[in-house]
C-alpha atoms as a PDB file:
ATOM      1  CA  MET A   1       0.000   0.000   0.000  1.00  0.00           C
ATOM      2  CA  SER A   2       1.505   3.316  -1.095  1.00  0.00           C
ATOM      3  CA  THR A   3       1.740   6.373   1.151  1.00  0.00           C
ATOM      4  CA  ARG A   4       1.885   9.988   0.020  1.00  0.00           C
ATOM      5  CA  MET A   5       4.673  11.961   1.662  1.00  0.00           C
ATOM      6  CA  THR A   6       7.330  14.587   1.027  1.00  0.00           C
ATOM      7  CA  TYR A   7      11.089  14.186   0.717  1.00  0.00           C
ATOM      8  CA  ARG A   8      11.318  15.933   4.110  1.00  0.00           C
ATOM      9  CA  GLU A   9       8.984  13.381   5.673  1.00  0.00           C
ATOM     10  CA  ALA A  10      10.921  10.506   4.115  1.00  0.00           C
ATOM     11  CA  LEU A  11      14.105  11.814   5.747  1.00  0.00           C
ATOM     12  CA  ARG A  12      12.266  12.097   9.067  1.00  0.00           C
ATOM     13  CA  GLU A  13      11.061   8.504   8.784  1.00  0.00           C
ATOM     14  CA  ALA A  14      14.646   7.426   8.131  1.00  0.00           C
ATOM     15  CA  LEU A  15      15.796   9.213  11.280  1.00  0.00           C
ATOM     16  CA  ARG A  16      12.957   7.745  13.337  1.00  0.00           C
ATOM     17  CA  ASP A  17      13.719   4.243  12.085  1.00  0.00           C
ATOM     18  CA  ALA A  18      17.437   4.549  12.886  1.00  0.00           C
ATOM     19  CA  LEU A  19      16.761   5.918  16.380  1.00  0.00           C
ATOM     20  CA  GLN A  20      14.380   3.032  17.082  1.00  0.00           C
ATOM     21  CA  ARG A  21      16.736   0.374  15.732  1.00  0.00           C
ATOM     22  CA  ASP A  22      19.892   1.268  17.620  1.00  0.00           C
ATOM     23  CA  PRO A  23      20.184   3.016  21.013  1.00  0.00           C
ATOM     24  CA  ARG A  24      23.659   4.222  20.028  1.00  0.00           C
ATOM     25  CA  VAL A  25      22.179   6.469  17.325  1.00  0.00           C
ATOM     26  CA  PHE A  26      21.601  10.124  18.181  1.00  0.00           C
ATOM     27  CA  LEU A  27      21.011  13.317  16.188  1.00  0.00           C
ATOM     28  CA  MET A  28      22.988  16.486  16.868  1.00  0.00           C
ATOM     29  CA  GLY A  29      23.053  19.913  15.243  1.00  0.00           C
ATOM     30  CA  GLU A  30      21.752  23.455  15.218  1.00  0.00           C
ATOM     31  CA  ASP A  31      18.008  23.700  15.954  1.00  0.00           C
ATOM     32  CA  VAL A  32      17.384  19.968  15.476  1.00  0.00           C
ATOM     33  CA  GLY A  33      15.472  19.680  18.760  1.00  0.00           C
ATOM     34  CA  ARG A  34      13.004  22.291  19.993  1.00  0.00           C
ATOM     35  CA  TYR A  35      12.821  24.037  16.626  1.00  0.00           C
ATOM     36  CA  GLY A  36      12.379  20.765  14.702  1.00  0.00           C
ATOM     37  CA  GLY A  37      15.270  21.341  12.316  1.00  0.00           C
ATOM     38  CA  SER A  38      16.071  24.220  10.000  1.00  0.00           C
ATOM     39  CA  TYR A  39      14.089  22.431   7.272  1.00  0.00           C
ATOM     40  CA  ALA A  40      11.622  20.737   9.682  1.00  0.00           C
ATOM     41  CA  VAL A  41      13.193  17.332   9.031  1.00  0.00           C
ATOM     42  CA  SER A  42      13.495  16.457  12.734  1.00  0.00           C
ATOM     43  CA  LEU A  43      10.120  17.891  13.772  1.00  0.00           C
ATOM     44  CA  GLY A  44       8.635  15.833  16.608  1.00  0.00           C
ATOM     45  CA  LEU A  45      11.716  13.712  17.255  1.00  0.00           C
ATOM     46  CA  LEU A  46      12.683  15.539  20.452  1.00  0.00           C
ATOM     47  CA  GLU A  47       9.309  14.709  21.961  1.00  0.00           C
ATOM     48  CA  ALA A  48       9.631  11.081  20.871  1.00  0.00           C
ATOM     49  CA  PHE A  49      13.242  10.390  21.883  1.00  0.00           C
ATOM     50  CA  GLY A  50      14.231  13.076  24.395  1.00  0.00           C
ATOM     51  CA  PRO A  51      17.121  15.547  24.666  1.00  0.00           C
ATOM     52  CA  GLU A  52      19.830  12.898  25.136  1.00  0.00           C
ATOM     53  CA  ARG A  53      19.253  11.588  21.617  1.00  0.00           C
ATOM     54  CA  ILE A  54      18.050  14.760  19.867  1.00  0.00           C
ATOM     55  CA  ARG A  55      20.733  17.236  20.865  1.00  0.00           C
ATOM     56  CA  ASP A  56      20.612  20.933  20.066  1.00  0.00           C
ATOM     57  CA  ALA A  57      24.152  22.172  19.504  1.00  0.00           C
ATOM     58  CA  PRO A  58      25.623  25.683  19.736  1.00  0.00           C
ATOM     59  CA  LEU A  59      26.384  27.600  16.549  1.00  0.00           C
ATOM     60  CA  SER A  60      29.803  26.054  16.066  1.00  0.00           C
ATOM     61  CA  GLU A  61      30.145  23.546  13.258  1.00  0.00           C
ATOM     62  CA  LEU A  62      33.787  23.061  14.178  1.00  0.00           C
ATOM     63  CA  GLY A  63      32.739  22.156  17.713  1.00  0.00           C
ATOM     64  CA  PHE A  64      29.800  19.844  17.172  1.00  0.00           C
ATOM     65  CA  VAL A  65      31.263  18.004  14.173  1.00  0.00           C
ATOM     66  CA  GLY A  66      34.363  17.397  16.287  1.00  0.00           C
ATOM     67  CA  ALA A  67      32.129  16.150  19.097  1.00  0.00           C
ATOM     68  CA  GLY A  68      30.421  13.819  16.625  1.00  0.00           C
ATOM     69  CA  ILE A  69      33.772  12.377  15.594  1.00  0.00           C
ATOM     70  CA  GLY A  70      34.659  11.790  19.238  1.00  0.00           C
ATOM     71  CA  ALA A  71      31.314  10.099  19.877  1.00  0.00           C
ATOM     72  CA  ALA A  72      31.806   7.830  16.868  1.00  0.00           C
ATOM     73  CA  LEU A  73      35.258   6.846  18.125  1.00  0.00           C
ATOM     74  CA  GLY A  74      33.680   6.144  21.509  1.00  0.00           C
ATOM     75  CA  GLY A  75      31.229   3.608  20.078  1.00  0.00           C
ATOM     76  CA  MET A  76      28.192   5.764  19.378  1.00  0.00           C
ATOM     77  CA  ARG A  77      26.509   6.195  15.977  1.00  0.00           C
ATOM     78  CA  PRO A  78      26.060   9.966  15.641  1.00  0.00           C
ATOM     79  CA  ILE A  79      24.072  11.711  12.928  1.00  0.00           C
ATOM     80  CA  VAL A  80      25.303  15.297  12.683  1.00  0.00           C
ATOM     81  CA  GLU A  81      23.145  17.827  10.844  1.00  0.00           C
ATOM     82  CA  ILE A  82      24.791  20.904   9.336  1.00  0.00           C
ATOM     83  CA  MET A  83      22.330  23.592   8.275  1.00  0.00           C
ATOM     84  CA  THR A  84      23.842  24.172   4.820  1.00  0.00           C
ATOM     85  CA  VAL A  85      26.900  22.998   2.927  1.00  0.00           C
ATOM     86  CA  ASN A  86      28.358  26.507   3.194  1.00  0.00           C
ATOM     87  CA  PHE A  87      28.606  26.157   6.969  1.00  0.00           C
ATOM     88  CA  SER A  88      30.322  22.785   6.639  1.00  0.00           C
ATOM     89  CA  LEU A  89      33.451  24.650   5.580  1.00  0.00           C
ATOM     90  CA  LEU A  90      33.827  25.670   9.232  1.00  0.00           C
ATOM     91  CA  ALA A  91      34.218  21.955  10.018  1.00  0.00           C
ATOM     92  CA  LEU A  92      36.414  21.039   7.055  1.00  0.00           C
ATOM     93  CA  ASP A  93      39.467  20.470   9.239  1.00  0.00           C
ATOM     94  CA  PRO A  94      37.961  17.728  11.460  1.00  0.00           C
ATOM     95  CA  LEU A  95      36.142  16.173   8.500  1.00  0.00           C
ATOM     96  CA  MET A  96      39.173  16.017   6.228  1.00  0.00           C
ATOM     97  CA  ASN A  97      42.128  15.780   8.589  1.00  0.00           C
ATOM     98  CA  THR A  98      40.553  13.535  11.232  1.00  0.00           C
ATOM     99  CA  ALA A  99      37.391  11.688  10.165  1.00  0.00           C
ATOM    100  CA  ALA A 100      38.543  10.858   6.642  1.00  0.00           C
ATOM    101  CA  ALA A 101      42.146  10.056   7.540  1.00  0.00           C
ATOM    102  CA  LEU A 102      41.990   8.256  10.890  1.00  0.00           C
ATOM    103  CA  ARG A 103      41.598   4.698   9.556  1.00  0.00           C
ATOM    104  CA  HIS A 104      44.710   5.197   7.425  1.00  0.00           C
ATOM    105  CA  MET A 105      46.684   7.036  10.104  1.00  0.00           C
ATOM    106  CA  SER A 106      45.912   4.379  12.735  1.00  0.00           C
ATOM    107  CA  GLY A 107      46.888   1.494  10.480  1.00  0.00           C
ATOM    108  CA  GLY A 108      43.285   0.289  10.456  1.00  0.00           C
ATOM    109  CA  GLN A 109      42.932   0.254  14.244  1.00  0.00           C
ATOM    110  CA  PHE A 110      40.260   2.980  14.341  1.00  0.00           C
ATOM    111  CA  SER A 111      37.321   3.959  12.189  1.00  0.00           C
ATOM    112  CA  VAL A 112      34.886   6.871  12.414  1.00  0.00           C
ATOM    113  CA  PRO A 113      31.295   5.632  11.840  1.00  0.00           C
ATOM    114  CA  LEU A 114      29.903   9.158  11.544  1.00  0.00           C
ATOM    115  CA  VAL A 115      27.015  10.341   9.337  1.00  0.00           C
ATOM    116  CA  VAL A 116      26.822  14.034   8.447  1.00  0.00           C
ATOM    117  CA  ARG A 117      23.688  15.397   6.753  1.00  0.00           C
ATOM    118  CA  MET A 118      23.496  18.819   5.157  1.00  0.00           C
ATOM    119  CA  ALA A 119      21.416  20.844   2.718  1.00  0.00           C
ATOM    120  CA  THR A 120      23.055  21.799  -0.552  1.00  0.00           C
ATOM    121  CA  GLY A 121      22.216  23.652  -3.740  1.00  0.00           C
ATOM    122  CA  ALA A 122      20.671  26.857  -5.004  1.00  0.00           C
ATOM    123  CA  GLY A 123      17.316  27.943  -6.392  1.00  0.00           C
ATOM    124  CA  ARG A 124      15.775  29.566  -3.308  1.00  0.00           C
ATOM    125  CA  GLN A 125      17.059  33.153  -3.666  1.00  0.00           C
ATOM    126  CA  LEU A 126      19.473  32.851  -0.754  1.00  0.00           C
ATOM    127  CA  ALA A 127      22.323  34.440  -2.704  1.00  0.00           C
ATOM    128  CA  ALA A 128      26.031  33.781  -2.731  1.00  0.00           C
ATOM    129  CA  GLN A 129      26.666  32.625   0.849  1.00  0.00           C
ATOM    130  CA  HIS A 130      23.864  30.038   1.160  1.00  0.00           C
ATOM    131  CA  SER A 131      23.589  28.493  -2.306  1.00  0.00           C
ATOM    132  CA  HIS A 132      26.707  26.444  -2.905  1.00  0.00           C
ATOM    133  CA  SER A 133      26.941  22.944  -4.338  1.00  0.00           C
ATOM    134  CA  LEU A 134      30.205  21.793  -2.783  1.00  0.00           C
ATOM    135  CA  GLU A 135      29.592  18.040  -2.711  1.00  0.00           C
ATOM    136  CA  GLY A 136      32.109  17.723  -5.552  1.00  0.00           C
ATOM    137  CA  TRP A 137      34.763  19.165  -3.232  1.00  0.00           C
ATOM    138  CA  TYR A 138      34.065  16.512  -0.616  1.00  0.00           C
ATOM    139  CA  ALA A 139      34.028  13.801  -3.292  1.00  0.00           C
ATOM    140  CA  HIS A 140      37.709  14.689  -3.816  1.00  0.00           C
ATOM    141  CA  ILE A 141      38.668  13.466  -0.314  1.00  0.00           C
ATOM    142  CA  PRO A 142      39.732   9.821   0.164  1.00  0.00           C
ATOM    143  CA  GLY A 143      38.114   8.226   3.189  1.00  0.00           C
ATOM    144  CA  LEU A 144      34.711   9.883   2.808  1.00  0.00           C
ATOM    145  CA  LYS A 145      31.649   8.322   1.193  1.00  0.00           C
ATOM    146  CA  ILE A 146      29.424  10.934  -0.463  1.00  0.00           C
ATOM    147  CA  LEU A 147      25.700  10.319  -1.015  1.00  0.00           C
ATOM    148  CA  ALA A 148      23.166  12.510  -2.829  1.00  0.00           C
ATOM    149  CA  PRO A 149      19.595  11.190  -2.508  1.00  0.00           C
ATOM    150  CA  ALA A 150      17.368  12.586  -5.249  1.00  0.00           C
ATOM    151  CA  THR A 151      14.213  10.521  -4.656  1.00  0.00           C
ATOM    152  CA  LEU A 152      11.950   9.765  -1.704  1.00  0.00           C
ATOM    153  CA  GLU A 153      13.125   6.156  -1.723  1.00  0.00           C
ATOM    154  CA  ASP A 154      16.761   7.182  -1.457  1.00  0.00           C
ATOM    155  CA  ALA A 155      15.985   9.848   1.159  1.00  0.00           C
ATOM    156  CA  ARG A 156      14.323   7.162   3.281  1.00  0.00           C
ATOM    157  CA  GLY A 157      16.621   4.260   2.471  1.00  0.00           C
ATOM    158  CA  MET A 158      20.176   5.626   2.506  1.00  0.00           C
ATOM    159  CA  LEU A 159      20.518   6.591   6.167  1.00  0.00           C
ATOM    160  CA  TRP A 160      20.551   3.157   7.797  1.00  0.00           C
ATOM    161  CA  PRO A 161      23.191   1.617   5.501  1.00  0.00           C
ATOM    162  CA  ALA A 162      25.210   4.828   5.963  1.00  0.00           C
ATOM    163  CA  LEU A 163      25.111   4.269   9.731  1.00  0.00           C
ATOM    164  CA  LEU A 164      26.334   0.711   9.233  1.00  0.00           C
ATOM    165  CA  ASP A 165      29.376   1.922   7.293  1.00  0.00           C
ATOM    166  CA  PRO A 166      32.500   1.904   9.458  1.00  0.00           C
ATOM    167  CA  ASP A 167      33.775   5.102   7.861  1.00  0.00           C
ATOM    168  CA  PRO A 168      32.332   8.641   7.665  1.00  0.00           C
ATOM    169  CA  VAL A 169      29.434   9.187   5.256  1.00  0.00           C
ATOM    170  CA  LEU A 170      28.263  12.629   4.121  1.00  0.00           C
ATOM    171  CA  ILE A 171      24.692  12.933   2.842  1.00  0.00           C
ATOM    172  CA  PHE A 172      23.865  15.951   0.686  1.00  0.00           C
ATOM    173  CA  GLU A 173      20.149  16.809   0.539  1.00  0.00           C
ATOM    174  CA  HIS A 174      19.279  19.357  -2.136  1.00  0.00           C
ATOM    175  CA  ALA A 175      17.187  22.010  -0.413  1.00  0.00           C
ATOM    176  CA  GLN A 176      14.862  22.309  -3.409  1.00  0.00           C
ATOM    177  CA  LEU A 177      13.733  18.718  -2.826  1.00  0.00           C
ATOM    178  CA  TYR A 178      12.381  19.015   0.725  1.00  0.00           C
ATOM    179  CA  ASN A 179       8.835  19.808  -0.454  1.00  0.00           C
ATOM    180  CA  MET A 180       8.845  17.240  -3.275  1.00  0.00           C
ATOM    181  CA  GLU A 181       5.921  14.826  -2.912  1.00  0.00           C
ATOM    182  CA  GLY A 182       5.539  11.264  -4.075  1.00  0.00           C
ATOM    183  CA  ASP A 183       3.892   7.933  -3.459  1.00  0.00           C
ATOM    184  CA  THR A 184       5.958   5.378  -1.638  1.00  0.00           C
ATOM    185  CA  GLY A 185       5.552   1.651  -1.191  1.00  0.00           C
ATOM    186  CA  ASN A 186       7.454  -0.673   1.091  1.00  0.00           C
ATOM    187  CA  TRP A 187      10.884   0.666   2.002  1.00  0.00           C
ATOM    188  CA  GLU A 188      13.860  -1.374   0.901  1.00  0.00           C
ATOM    189  CA  THR A 189      17.400  -1.577   2.202  1.00  0.00           C
ATOM    190  CA  LEU A 190      19.533   0.239  -0.325  1.00  0.00           C
ATOM    191  CA  ASP A 191      22.923  -0.532  -1.759  1.00  0.00           C
ATOM    192  CA  ILE A 192      24.814   2.739  -1.246  1.00  0.00           C
ATOM    193  CA  SER A 193      27.586   1.850  -3.676  1.00  0.00           C
ATOM    194  CA  THR A 194      25.840   2.010  -7.058  1.00  0.00           C
ATOM    195  CA  ALA A 195      24.245   4.487  -9.431  1.00  0.00           C
ATOM    196  CA  ASN A 196      20.693   3.996 -10.666  1.00  0.00           C
ATOM    197  CA  VAL A 197      19.358   4.115 -14.231  1.00  0.00           C
ATOM    198  CA  ARG A 198      16.199   6.220 -13.847  1.00  0.00           C
ATOM    199  CA  ARG A 199      15.243   6.160 -17.539  1.00  0.00           C
ATOM    200  CA  VAL A 200      16.333   3.732 -20.254  1.00  0.00           C
ATOM    201  CA  GLY A 201      17.300   5.132 -23.654  1.00  0.00           C
ATOM    202  CA  LYS A 202      19.529   4.522 -26.656  1.00  0.00           C
ATOM    203  CA  ASP A 203      20.732   7.847 -28.114  1.00  0.00           C
ATOM    204  CA  LEU A 204      22.315   9.819 -25.263  1.00  0.00           C
ATOM    205  CA  THR A 205      23.316   9.223 -21.635  1.00  0.00           C
ATOM    206  CA  LEU A 206      22.379  12.033 -19.243  1.00  0.00           C
ATOM    207  CA  ILE A 207      24.432  11.706 -16.045  1.00  0.00           C
ATOM    208  CA  THR A 208      23.328  13.707 -13.012  1.00  0.00           C
ATOM    209  CA  TYR A 209      22.405  13.574  -9.317  1.00  0.00           C
ATOM    210  CA  GLY A 210      20.497  15.338  -6.556  1.00  0.00           C
ATOM    211  CA  GLY A 211      18.589  18.485  -7.407  1.00  0.00           C
ATOM    212  CA  THR A 212      19.208  18.268 -11.150  1.00  0.00           C
ATOM    213  CA  LEU A 213      17.767  14.768 -11.584  1.00  0.00           C
ATOM    214  CA  GLY A 214      14.242  16.126 -12.023  1.00  0.00           C
ATOM    215  CA  LYS A 215      15.432  18.623 -14.617  1.00  0.00           C
ATOM    216  CA  ALA A 216      17.280  15.881 -16.495  1.00  0.00           C
ATOM    217  CA  LEU A 217      14.211  13.633 -16.530  1.00  0.00           C
ATOM    218  CA  THR A 218      12.005  16.493 -17.742  1.00  0.00           C
ATOM    219  CA  ALA A 219      14.542  17.295 -20.460  1.00  0.00           C
ATOM    220  CA  ALA A 220      14.624  13.614 -21.453  1.00  0.00           C
ATOM    221  CA  GLU A 221      10.842  13.576 -21.899  1.00  0.00           C
ATOM    222  CA  GLN A 222      10.996  16.707 -24.032  1.00  0.00           C
ATOM    223  CA  LEU A 223      13.835  15.277 -26.116  1.00  0.00           C
ATOM    224  CA  ALA A 224      11.906  12.027 -26.610  1.00  0.00           C
ATOM    225  CA  GLY A 225       9.226  14.034 -28.383  1.00  0.00           C
ATOM    226  CA  GLU A 226      11.934  15.435 -30.646  1.00  0.00           C
ATOM    227  CA  GLY A 227      13.372  12.051 -31.588  1.00  0.00           C
ATOM    228  CA  ILE A 228      16.257  11.794 -29.077  1.00  0.00           C
ATOM    229  CA  ASP A 229      15.926   8.860 -26.683  1.00  0.00           C
ATOM    230  CA  CYS A 230      17.875   9.622 -23.493  1.00  0.00           C
ATOM    231  CA  GLU A 231      19.074   7.281 -20.792  1.00  0.00           C
ATOM    232  CA  VAL A 232      19.205   9.058 -17.415  1.00  0.00           C
ATOM    233  CA  ILE A 233      21.672   7.952 -14.745  1.00  0.00           C
ATOM    234  CA  ASP A 234      21.237   9.136 -11.166  1.00  0.00           C
ATOM    235  CA  LEU A 235      24.721   8.874  -9.671  1.00  0.00           C
ATOM    236  CA  ARG A 236      23.395   8.788  -6.058  1.00  0.00           C
ATOM    237  CA  VAL A 237      26.897   7.947  -4.806  1.00  0.00           C
ATOM    238  CA  LEU A 238      29.409  10.650  -5.699  1.00  0.00           C
ATOM    239  CA  HIS A 239      32.390   8.996  -4.033  1.00  0.00           C
ATOM    240  CA  PRO A 240      33.308   6.367  -4.874  1.00  0.00           C
ATOM    241  CA  LEU A 241      31.760   6.734  -8.328  1.00  0.00           C
ATOM    242  CA  ASP A 242      30.064   3.743  -9.940  1.00  0.00           C
ATOM    243  CA  ASP A 243      32.141   3.623 -13.129  1.00  0.00           C
ATOM    244  CA  GLN A 244      30.564   0.395 -14.341  1.00  0.00           C
ATOM    245  CA  THR A 245      27.018   1.771 -14.590  1.00  0.00           C
ATOM    246  CA  ILE A 246      28.274   4.915 -16.310  1.00  0.00           C
ATOM    247  CA  MET A 247      30.423   3.074 -18.855  1.00  0.00           C
ATOM    248  CA  THR A 248      27.774   0.445 -19.619  1.00  0.00           C
ATOM    249  CA  SER A 249      25.337   3.190 -20.529  1.00  0.00           C
ATOM    250  CA  VAL A 250      27.823   5.307 -22.472  1.00  0.00           C
ATOM    251  CA  CYS A 251      28.988   2.313 -24.501  1.00  0.00           C
ATOM    252  CA  LYS A 252      25.353   1.719 -25.463  1.00  0.00           C
ATOM    253  CA  THR A 253      24.350   5.292 -26.360  1.00  0.00           C
ATOM    254  CA  ARG A 254      27.823   6.442 -27.516  1.00  0.00           C
ATOM    255  CA  ARG A 255      27.131   9.959 -26.244  1.00  0.00           C
ATOM    256  CA  ALA A 256      27.348  11.465 -22.737  1.00  0.00           C
ATOM    257  CA  LEU A 257      26.092  14.703 -21.210  1.00  0.00           C
ATOM    258  CA  VAL A 258      26.811  15.425 -17.531  1.00  0.00           C
ATOM    259  CA  VAL A 259      24.498  17.788 -15.642  1.00  0.00           C
ATOM    260  CA  ASP A 260      26.109  19.159 -12.487  1.00  0.00           C
ATOM    261  CA  GLU A 261      25.019  22.133 -10.350  1.00  0.00           C
ATOM    262  CA  GLY A 262      28.622  22.628  -9.289  1.00  0.00           C
ATOM    263  CA  TRP A 263      30.792  25.200 -11.004  1.00  0.00           C
ATOM    264  CA  ARG A 264      32.467  24.074 -14.223  1.00  0.00           C
ATOM    265  CA  SER A 265      36.152  24.422 -13.316  1.00  0.00           C
ATOM    266  CA  GLY A 266      37.361  21.465 -11.282  1.00  0.00           C
ATOM    267  CA  SER A 267      33.839  20.065 -11.170  1.00  0.00           C
ATOM    268  CA  LEU A 268      32.559  16.563 -10.536  1.00  0.00           C
ATOM    269  CA  ALA A 269      31.370  16.725 -14.152  1.00  0.00           C
ATOM    270  CA  ALA A 270      34.980  17.150 -15.261  1.00  0.00           C
ATOM    271  CA  GLU A 271      36.005  14.033 -13.313  1.00  0.00           C
ATOM    272  CA  ILE A 272      33.200  11.962 -14.843  1.00  0.00           C
ATOM    273  CA  ILE A 273      34.035  13.100 -18.378  1.00  0.00           C
ATOM    274  CA  THR A 274      37.704  12.299 -17.801  1.00  0.00           C
ATOM    275  CA  ARG A 275      36.807   8.776 -16.697  1.00  0.00           C
ATOM    276  CA  ILE A 276      34.623   8.306 -19.768  1.00  0.00           C
ATOM    277  CA  ILE A 277      37.520   9.385 -22.002  1.00  0.00           C
ATOM    278  CA  GLU A 278      39.940   7.108 -20.148  1.00  0.00           C
ATOM    279  CA  GLN A 279      37.711   4.028 -20.179  1.00  0.00           C
ATOM    280  CA  SER A 280      35.377   4.340 -23.173  1.00  0.00           C
ATOM    281  CA  PHE A 281      36.974   6.731 -25.656  1.00  0.00           C
ATOM    282  CA  PHE A 282      36.747   4.438 -28.664  1.00  0.00           C
ATOM    283  CA  GLU A 283      33.040   3.774 -28.043  1.00  0.00           C
ATOM    284  CA  LEU A 284      32.091   7.449 -28.409  1.00  0.00           C
ATOM    285  CA  ASP A 285      30.448   9.028 -31.428  1.00  0.00           C
ATOM    286  CA  ALA A 286      30.825  12.567 -30.042  1.00  0.00           C
ATOM    287  CA  PRO A 287      32.916  14.307 -27.365  1.00  0.00           C
ATOM    288  CA  PRO A 288      31.272  14.193 -23.915  1.00  0.00           C
ATOM    289  CA  SER A 289      29.748  17.465 -22.804  1.00  0.00           C
ATOM    290  CA  ARG A 290      28.475  19.062 -19.597  1.00  0.00           C
ATOM    291  CA  VAL A 291      25.982  21.572 -18.277  1.00  0.00           C
ATOM    292  CA  CYS A 292      27.204  23.245 -15.072  1.00  0.00           C
ATOM    293  CA  SER A 293      26.436  26.373 -13.079  1.00  0.00           C
ATOM    294  CA  ALA A 294      27.874  29.642 -14.339  1.00  0.00           C
ATOM    295  CA  GLU A 295      31.163  30.522 -12.662  1.00  0.00           C
ATOM    296  CA  VAL A 296      29.790  33.401 -10.631  1.00  0.00           C
ATOM    297  CA  PRO A 297      28.693  33.773  -7.014  1.00  0.00           C
ATOM    298  CA  ILE A 298      25.033  32.692  -7.108  1.00  0.00           C
ATOM    299  CA  PRO A 299      22.987  35.893  -7.646  1.00  0.00           C
ATOM    300  CA  TYR A 300      20.036  36.921  -5.496  1.00  0.00           C
ATOM    301  CA  PRO A 301      17.557  38.150  -8.186  1.00  0.00           C
ATOM    302  CA  ARG A 302      15.350  35.295  -9.349  1.00  0.00           C
ATOM    303  CA  HIS A 303      16.012  35.736 -13.075  1.00  0.00           C
ATOM    304  CA  LEU A 304      19.783  35.899 -12.571  1.00  0.00           C
ATOM    305  CA  GLU A 305      19.806  32.902 -10.228  1.00  0.00           C
ATOM    306  CA  GLU A 306      17.890  30.854 -12.796  1.00  0.00           C
ATOM    307  CA  ALA A 307      20.269  31.989 -15.531  1.00  0.00           C
ATOM    308  CA  ALA A 308      23.258  30.853 -13.459  1.00  0.00           C
ATOM    309  CA  LEU A 309      21.945  27.310 -12.845  1.00  0.00           C
ATOM    310  CA  PRO A 310      21.425  24.320 -15.151  1.00  0.00           C
ATOM    311  CA  GLN A 311      17.880  24.384 -16.514  1.00  0.00           C
ATOM    312  CA  VAL A 312      15.774  22.083 -18.660  1.00  0.00           C
ATOM    313  CA  SER A 313      16.275  24.412 -21.635  1.00  0.00           C
ATOM    314  CA  THR A 314      20.089  24.359 -21.338  1.00  0.00           C
ATOM    315  CA  ILE A 315      20.101  20.562 -20.976  1.00  0.00           C
ATOM    316  CA  VAL A 316      17.916  20.215 -24.086  1.00  0.00           C
ATOM    317  CA  ALA A 317      20.119  22.605 -26.067  1.00  0.00           C
ATOM    318  CA  ALA A 318      23.299  20.736 -25.084  1.00  0.00           C
ATOM    319  CA  ALA A 319      21.678  17.417 -25.979  1.00  0.00           C
ATOM    320  CA  HIS A 320      20.744  18.687 -29.438  1.00  0.00           C
ATOM    321  CA  GLU A 321      24.306  19.836 -30.027  1.00  0.00           C
ATOM    322  CA  LEU A 322      25.625  16.392 -29.037  1.00  0.00           C
ATOM    323  CA  CYS A 323      23.078  14.501 -31.110  1.00  0.00           C
ATOM    324  CA  GLN A 324      23.170  16.362 -34.397  1.00  0.00           C
ATOM    325  CA  GLY A 325      21.957  13.943 -37.049  1.00  0.00           C
ATOM    326  CA  THR A 326      20.342  11.604 -34.497  1.00  0.00           C
ATOM    327  CA  SER A 327      16.887  13.179 -34.124  1.00  0.00           C
ATOM    328  CA  ALA A 328      14.135  12.127 -36.486  1.00  0.00           C
END
């Protein structure tokens, strides 16, 4: 029997399930308790589980992420919520120099089973300091697993396997998705190591994740009406990347277009295209291409913000350029 809920509610159900399953699990972050979370994800959990397990933290990402690392080393299973990816930069030192490196630096004697959740992405007119998509930066760091749930099923199903991982897992929730609604069936335990083919096609592979998955699927439907049959891959796991799913699709369609809300220079899109060239160059009928955000601080005015971000129209235009001679 299906249930109608939002992406936000799916995340809340994931938190509730984890807290019920394991007494070592607790949630910590700014406003997660009495306020119910900056995006209302943890609403009602304080009343259900109490202040020992739903912990409001002071406004110090450096402090409470460090505390989460210590708790993980001490045998707990902390879920740390950071309000936005921008603020995670204040905790980059403990995340990169401690959490990601400790297994290596201890010769495998210690691991840091920490989960960090944070909102990412633009599109809400929050301007240059609250609109970054920095998950590609974190995907550069060995020792971190990077997840980007783009569907209700992934929002609900990724948290528990992330908590079971012995190493730190960062979950990036695109803020534009919190109000997304959908029908859900029975929840399944997810494999958080593979990409997912969201649409099967034969002419062009669209590779994307997170907040741009919906735009890619909409573009694919529009392109289908114009004679270009797109396969859409939702990466879901940004580090380590699932090369096999990407290459299998690209070898079938012989064309690849990466849609990435990150900035173009040094982007995750650039890494994916490089891997395609390295592994599948002779299967290609056209050079891989990408649609990224404009290399500007994200503007505040609505029309400029939209112009700076990947849109359905820019995805469609890039697809046409790649598939010249393919459309009917």
